Amino acid sequence: MNTRRPSRIGGSSRLEREPGRICVVGCLRNERVRLPSFLAHYRRLGASSFLLVDNGSDDGSLELLEEQDDVVLYTTEASYAASRFGLDWTTEVANRHAVGRWVLTVDIDELIVYPHCEELDLPRLTSHLERRRATGLLGFLLDMYSHRPIAETVLGEGEDLLDVCPYHDADTYSSPRRGPLARVPNRGGPRQRLFWDGRNLPHPPPFLAKTPLLLWPGGDPYAVSTHQVRARVRYEGTTCALLHFKFLADFPRAALEEVRRGEHFAGARQYHAYASRFLEEPALSAYFERSRRYRGSRGLLDEGLLRADRKLPR
């Protein structure tokens, strides 16, 4: 790592002795409102442990995580930008705990879904990938939102993220014509529609393709977050989506805060786009006439947003 290493502050030693476990790895800052849904979702899918790095939360995130028996918790006050936007931290904890095992690297506002995930848990999915000699799962960010203005989309204590933000775009995404990334959307969705289209910004909208699930090889497999993999990865026909819950009531305030901190990619230029749009239109809503209500993995398959390998079990 080229920045100060995170320090471990909690976690059961039994997690390090469990063979074949599937680890969820991530870093966070002030995600208390999303953490209950995040933990519940991945536990439901069969993840056995969480390796999480907290970067200076002051909203109760640390206190919540310290109470979880399946969380190995690290903390650092070092610069997020200097850590390759958290990648150095997540790579280090995965190398400490999970070499040779399946690692799912996600942000706290990302919930993975894949074909038949309502019945097919992560242990069975990764067993299928191993039988097919695959070492990774390709996916993309699918932004979720409510029918209300973003600033009024409040996630209450104990509420599920999907209950509050059940809508997504189905026909505003684009993919390249050739190569592995042609199987998943790369650009588009409500962030491009709301914050980039018609605004003549000097930089492109967010790149959406990711490889969140890897049979962890050790070393430094990711180049740019999970958007770009430098390790050799073999895919089969299945893809995934990361349901992305950025459009909550805390987003306008968080965008202004990240502009001030400047800790995100390229001087937080995406957050400049978000913050300026919210200042122009405080009641901005992502919902429009072609919004689709989420209908589970079957709905995403029908809409062409997911693909399933022909031998994928159910």
Protein backbone atom coordinates (compact mmCIF):
# COMPACT_ATOMS: atom_id res chain seq x y z
CA MET A 1 0.00 0.00 0.00
CA ASN A 2 1.11 3.56 -0.67
CA THR A 3 -0.83 5.06 2.23
CA ARG A 4 -1.27 4.35 5.92
CA ARG A 5 -2.59 0.86 6.56
CA PRO A 6 -5.98 0.37 8.19
CA SER A 7 -5.96 -0.92 11.76
CA ARG A 8 -8.11 -3.84 12.82
CA ILE A 9 -10.47 -2.99 15.66
CA GLY A 10 -12.88 -5.93 15.75
CA GLY A 11 -13.97 -9.28 14.39
CA SER A 12 -14.18 -12.88 15.49
CA SER A 13 -11.10 -15.07 14.97
CA ARG A 14 -13.39 -17.92 13.90
CA LEU A 15 -13.86 -16.14 10.55
CA GLU A 16 -10.23 -16.79 9.70
CA ARG A 17 -10.61 -20.53 10.27
CA GLU A 18 -13.69 -21.12 8.11
CA PRO A 19 -12.77 -22.93 4.89
CA GLY A 20 -14.56 -22.02 1.69
CA ARG A 21 -16.22 -18.92 3.04
CA ILE A 22 -17.38 -16.11 0.76
CA CYS A 23 -16.17 -12.72 1.94
CA VAL A 24 -17.78 -9.37 1.28
CA VAL A 25 -15.14 -6.64 1.24
CA GLY A 26 -15.72 -2.89 1.23
CA CYS A 27 -14.85 0.49 2.65
CA LEU A 28 -17.25 3.10 3.95
CA ARG A 29 -17.73 6.55 5.37
CA ASN A 30 -20.99 7.54 7.09
CA GLU A 31 -23.25 4.79 5.72
CA ARG A 32 -25.27 4.08 8.89
CA VAL A 33 -28.59 4.46 7.07
CA ARG A 34 -27.71 1.85 4.40
CA LEU A 35 -25.82 -0.68 6.54
CA PRO A 36 -28.79 -2.71 7.85
CA SER A 37 -30.07 -3.44 4.32
CA PHE A 38 -26.52 -4.10 3.11
CA LEU A 39 -25.76 -6.65 5.82
CA ALA A 40 -29.17 -8.33 5.55
CA HIS A 41 -28.93 -8.68 1.76
CA TYR A 42 -25.53 -10.36 1.73
CA ARG A 43 -26.34 -12.59 4.69
CA ARG A 44 -29.47 -13.71 2.86
CA LEU A 45 -27.33 -14.61 -0.16
CA GLY A 46 -25.03 -16.75 1.99
CA ALA A 47 -21.97 -14.55 2.56
CA SER A 48 -20.23 -15.78 5.70
CA SER A 49 -18.09 -12.78 6.60
CA PHE A 50 -17.62 -9.06 5.98
CA LEU A 51 -14.19 -7.42 5.81
CA LEU A 52 -14.93 -3.70 6.13
CA VAL A 53 -12.72 -0.61 6.37
CA ASP A 54 -14.22 2.50 7.95
CA ASN A 55 -12.73 5.82 6.84
CA GLY A 56 -13.66 8.32 9.52
CA SER A 57 -17.39 7.76 10.01
CA ASP A 58 -19.07 9.88 12.65
CA ASP A 59 -22.72 8.89 12.09
CA GLY A 60 -22.88 5.67 14.16
CA SER A 61 -21.59 3.33 11.43
CA LEU A 62 -18.68 2.15 13.58
CA GLU A 63 -20.87 1.46 16.61
CA LEU A 64 -23.31 -0.57 14.52
CA LEU A 65 -20.55 -2.62 12.88
CA GLU A 66 -18.77 -3.36 16.16
CA GLU A 67 -21.91 -5.23 17.29
CA GLN A 68 -21.84 -7.65 14.32
CA ASP A 69 -20.33 -11.09 14.93
CA ASP A 70 -19.61 -11.71 11.24
CA VAL A 71 -17.79 -8.41 10.57
CA VAL A 72 -14.00 -8.04 10.70
CA LEU A 73 -13.67 -4.29 11.10
CA TYR A 74 -10.75 -2.05 10.23
CA THR A 75 -10.48 1.71 10.55
CA THR A 76 -8.28 4.44 9.06
CA GLU A 77 -8.25 8.22 9.04
CA ALA A 78 -5.91 8.34 6.03
CA SER A 79 -6.76 9.97 2.70
CA TYR A 80 -9.33 8.14 0.61
CA ALA A 81 -7.88 9.67 -2.56
CA ALA A 82 -4.32 8.65 -1.68
CA SER A 83 -5.47 5.06 -1.15
CA ARG A 84 -6.60 4.82 -4.80
CA PHE A 85 -10.10 5.66 -3.56
CA GLY A 86 -10.14 2.86 -1.00
CA LEU A 87 -8.73 0.20 -3.33
CA ASP A 88 -5.47 -0.12 -1.39
CA TRP A 89 -7.43 -0.77 1.80
CA THR A 90 -9.85 -3.36 0.40
CA THR A 91 -7.00 -5.11 -1.42
CA GLU A 92 -4.93 -5.34 1.75
CA VAL A 93 -7.69 -6.83 3.90
CA ALA A 94 -8.62 -9.32 1.16
CA ASN A 95 -4.96 -10.37 0.94
CA ARG A 96 -4.81 -10.79 4.71
CA HIS A 97 -7.92 -12.96 4.98
CA ALA A 98 -9.16 -14.35 1.68
CA VAL A 99 -6.50 -15.42 -0.84
CA GLY A 100 -7.81 -18.38 -2.82
CA ARG A 101 -11.42 -17.71 -1.81
CA TRP A 102 -14.29 -15.91 -3.48
CA VAL A 103 -14.33 -12.21 -2.65
CA LEU A 104 -17.17 -9.83 -3.40
CA THR A 105 -15.86 -6.24 -3.40
CA VAL A 106 -18.74 -3.76 -3.18
CA ASP A 107 -19.66 -0.35 -1.83
CA ILE A 108 -22.22 -0.13 0.97
CA ASP A 109 -24.80 1.31 -1.45
CA GLU A 110 -24.44 -1.69 -3.82
CA LEU A 111 -26.54 -4.86 -3.55
CA ILE A 112 -25.64 -7.62 -5.99
CA VAL A 113 -28.33 -9.49 -7.92
CA TYR A 114 -27.83 -12.15 -10.59
CA PRO A 115 -30.03 -14.64 -12.47
CA HIS A 116 -32.16 -16.72 -10.07
CA CYS A 117 -30.56 -15.12 -6.99
CA GLU A 118 -33.86 -15.50 -5.16
CA GLU A 119 -33.17 -19.26 -5.06
CA LEU A 120 -29.48 -19.51 -6.00
CA ASP A 121 -27.24 -18.38 -3.15
CA LEU A 122 -23.63 -17.24 -3.45
CA PRO A 123 -22.08 -20.58 -2.41
CA ARG A 124 -24.00 -22.39 -5.17
CA LEU A 125 -23.27 -19.63 -7.68
CA THR A 126 -19.53 -19.76 -7.03
CA SER A 127 -19.58 -23.57 -7.19
CA HIS A 128 -21.14 -23.25 -10.64
CA LEU A 129 -18.50 -20.70 -11.68
CA GLU A 130 -15.74 -23.06 -10.55
CA ARG A 131 -17.25 -25.95 -12.51
CA ARG A 132 -17.24 -23.69 -15.57
CA ARG A 133 -13.62 -22.69 -14.78
CA ALA A 134 -14.64 -19.07 -14.37
CA THR A 135 -12.75 -16.86 -11.92
CA GLY A 136 -14.91 -13.74 -11.97
CA LEU A 137 -18.41 -12.38 -12.51
CA LEU A 138 -19.00 -9.39 -14.77
CA GLY A 139 -21.70 -6.84 -13.92
CA PHE A 140 -22.77 -3.21 -13.91
CA LEU A 141 -24.26 -0.51 -11.68
CA LEU A 142 -28.05 -0.27 -11.93
CA ASP A 143 -29.17 2.96 -10.24
CA MET A 144 -32.33 2.62 -8.17
CA TYR A 145 -34.69 5.44 -7.19
CA SER A 146 -38.12 6.34 -5.85
CA HIS A 147 -41.07 8.15 -7.46
CA ARG A 148 -40.43 11.15 -5.19
CA PRO A 149 -37.85 13.95 -5.43
CA ILE A 150 -34.43 12.63 -4.45
CA ALA A 151 -34.17 15.07 -1.55
CA GLU A 152 -37.45 13.68 -0.15
CA THR A 153 -36.53 9.98 -0.49
CA VAL A 154 -35.94 9.18 3.16
CA LEU A 155 -34.86 5.72 4.31
CA GLY A 156 -36.34 5.20 7.75
CA GLU A 157 -34.91 3.07 10.54
CA GLY A 158 -35.46 -0.58 9.66
CA GLU A 159 -36.74 0.12 6.13
CA ASP A 160 -35.46 -1.92 3.20
CA LEU A 161 -33.65 -0.08 0.42
CA LEU A 162 -35.73 -1.77 -2.28
CA ASP A 163 -38.98 -0.80 -0.59
CA VAL A 164 -37.94 2.87 -0.64
CA CYS A 165 -36.26 2.87 -4.10
CA PRO A 166 -38.02 0.25 -6.24
CA TYR A 167 -37.59 1.86 -9.71
CA HIS A 168 -34.87 1.76 -12.36
CA ASP A 169 -34.24 2.67 -16.00
CA ALA A 170 -34.51 -0.21 -18.46
CA ASP A 171 -33.85 1.42 -21.83
CA THR A 172 -31.40 4.29 -21.27
CA TYR A 173 -28.22 2.19 -21.02
CA SER A 174 -25.66 1.51 -23.73
CA SER A 175 -22.95 -1.11 -24.32
CA PRO A 176 -20.02 -1.41 -26.73
CA ARG A 177 -20.56 -3.61 -29.76
CA ARG A 178 -17.58 -5.91 -29.22
CA GLY A 179 -15.52 -7.50 -26.47
CA PRO A 180 -16.44 -8.92 -23.04
CA LEU A 181 -17.90 -5.60 -21.87
CA ALA A 182 -20.52 -5.80 -24.63
CA ARG A 183 -22.46 -8.16 -22.33
CA VAL A 184 -23.22 -5.46 -19.76
CA PRO A 185 -24.25 -1.77 -19.88
CA ASN A 186 -21.29 0.59 -19.70
CA ARG A 187 -22.91 4.04 -19.75
CA GLY A 188 -26.31 5.61 -19.31
CA GLY A 189 -29.05 5.29 -16.73
CA PRO A 190 -30.49 8.07 -14.57
CA ARG A 191 -27.17 9.60 -13.63
CA GLN A 192 -26.33 10.30 -17.27
CA ARG A 193 -29.94 11.28 -17.99
CA LEU A 194 -30.18 13.75 -15.10
CA PHE A 195 -26.66 15.09 -14.63
CA TRP A 196 -24.91 14.84 -18.04
CA ASP A 197 -27.33 14.87 -20.98
CA GLY A 198 -27.59 18.32 -22.54
CA ARG A 199 -25.19 19.92 -20.06
CA ASN A 200 -21.95 19.99 -22.12
CA LEU A 201 -19.73 18.74 -19.32
CA PRO A 202 -16.04 18.31 -20.21
CA HIS A 203 -15.87 14.75 -18.89
CA PRO A 204 -17.95 11.63 -19.59
CA PRO A 205 -20.73 10.25 -17.40
CA PRO A 206 -19.92 7.42 -14.95
CA PHE A 207 -18.51 4.16 -16.31
CA LEU A 208 -20.84 1.44 -15.03
CA ALA A 209 -19.22 -1.93 -15.80
CA LYS A 210 -17.65 -3.75 -12.84
CA THR A 211 -16.23 -7.15 -11.90
CA PRO A 212 -17.29 -7.30 -8.24
CA LEU A 213 -16.80 -11.05 -7.65
CA LEU A 214 -13.35 -12.65 -7.98
CA LEU A 215 -11.73 -15.89 -6.97
CA TRP A 216 -9.16 -13.85 -5.08
CA PRO A 217 -5.67 -14.40 -6.56
CA GLY A 218 -3.75 -12.27 -4.09
CA GLY A 219 -1.55 -9.38 -5.10
CA ASP A 220 -3.24 -6.35 -6.64
CA PRO A 221 -5.90 -7.66 -9.05
CA TYR A 222 -7.89 -4.44 -9.58
CA ALA A 223 -6.58 -1.39 -11.44
CA VAL A 224 -9.42 1.13 -11.02
CA SER A 225 -11.87 0.19 -8.26
CA THR A 226 -13.67 -2.93 -9.53
CA HIS A 227 -14.25 -1.20 -12.88
CA GLN A 228 -10.99 -2.49 -14.35
CA VAL A 229 -9.25 -5.78 -13.58
CA ARG A 230 -5.53 -6.18 -14.20
CA ALA A 231 -5.46 -9.84 -13.14
CA ARG A 232 -6.30 -12.50 -15.69
CA VAL A 233 -10.01 -13.28 -15.31
CA ARG A 234 -12.11 -15.92 -17.02
CA TYR A 235 -15.86 -15.24 -17.36
CA GLU A 236 -18.70 -17.54 -18.39
CA GLY A 237 -22.10 -16.40 -19.68
CA THR A 238 -23.70 -15.14 -16.47
CA THR A 239 -23.71 -11.44 -15.58
CA CYS A 240 -24.82 -9.55 -12.49
CA ALA A 241 -26.19 -6.14 -11.55
CA LEU A 242 -25.24 -4.05 -8.55
CA LEU A 243 -28.43 -2.34 -7.44
CA HIS A 244 -27.06 1.11 -6.62
CA PHE A 245 -28.80 3.15 -3.93
CA LYS A 246 -27.25 6.59 -4.26
CA PHE A 247 -30.54 8.48 -4.78
CA LEU A 248 -31.59 8.91 -1.15
CA ALA A 249 -32.30 12.15 0.71
CA ASP A 250 -28.68 12.35 1.90
CA PHE A 251 -27.34 12.52 -1.66
CA PRO A 252 -27.59 16.32 -2.27
CA ARG A 253 -25.85 17.07 1.03
CA ALA A 254 -23.27 14.32 0.46
CA ALA A 255 -22.51 15.69 -3.02
CA LEU A 256 -21.70 19.11 -1.56
CA GLU A 257 -19.58 17.51 1.16
CA GLU A 258 -17.58 15.47 -1.36
CA VAL A 259 -16.98 18.56 -3.49
CA ARG A 260 -15.55 20.22 -0.37
CA ARG A 261 -13.37 17.21 0.54
CA GLY A 262 -12.15 16.53 -3.01
CA GLU A 263 -11.34 12.93 -2.10
CA HIS A 264 -13.06 11.20 -5.03
CA PHE A 265 -11.73 10.46 -8.51
CA ALA A 266 -10.35 13.42 -10.54
CA GLY A 267 -10.96 15.94 -7.78
CA ALA A 268 -14.53 14.68 -7.24
CA ARG A 269 -15.58 15.96 -10.67
CA GLN A 270 -18.66 13.71 -10.73
CA TYR A 271 -19.75 15.23 -7.43
CA HIS A 272 -19.37 18.72 -8.88
CA ALA A 273 -21.89 17.66 -11.56
CA TYR A 274 -24.29 16.29 -8.95
CA ALA A 275 -24.01 19.27 -6.60
CA SER A 276 -24.51 21.91 -9.30
CA ARG A 277 -27.62 20.14 -10.62
CA PHE A 278 -29.18 19.93 -7.15
CA LEU A 279 -28.49 23.63 -6.59
CA GLU A 280 -30.35 24.38 -9.83
CA GLU A 281 -33.25 22.02 -9.11
CA PRO A 282 -33.62 21.06 -5.43
CA ALA A 283 -36.74 18.98 -6.17
CA LEU A 284 -34.97 16.90 -8.83
CA SER A 285 -36.49 13.43 -9.32
CA ALA A 286 -35.09 10.44 -11.24
CA TYR A 287 -38.56 9.02 -11.90
CA PHE A 288 -39.94 9.47 -15.43
CA GLU A 289 -42.53 7.97 -17.75
CA ARG A 290 -40.38 4.96 -18.73
CA SER A 291 -39.28 4.01 -15.22
CA ARG A 292 -39.67 0.31 -14.40
CA ARG A 293 -40.48 -1.21 -11.03
CA TYR A 294 -37.96 -3.83 -9.95
CA ARG A 295 -39.39 -7.36 -10.40
CA GLY A 296 -36.45 -9.41 -9.20
CA SER A 297 -33.85 -11.11 -11.34
CA ARG A 298 -36.53 -12.44 -13.69
CA GLY A 299 -37.53 -8.90 -14.57
CA LEU A 300 -33.93 -7.88 -15.30
CA LEU A 301 -33.50 -10.96 -17.50
CA ASP A 302 -36.67 -10.06 -19.42
CA GLU A 303 -35.43 -6.49 -19.87
CA GLY A 304 -32.08 -7.71 -21.22
CA LEU A 305 -30.13 -6.21 -18.31
CA LEU A 306 -28.93 -9.62 -17.05
CA ARG A 307 -27.67 -12.70 -18.85
CA ALA A 308 -27.59 -16.31 -17.62
CA ASP A 309 -25.22 -19.08 -18.59
CA ARG A 310 -27.16 -21.97 -20.11
CA LYS A 311 -25.95 -24.33 -17.36
CA LEU A 312 -26.63 -21.97 -14.45
CA PRO A 313 -28.62 -23.87 -11.78
CA ARG A 314 -31.76 -22.52 -10.13
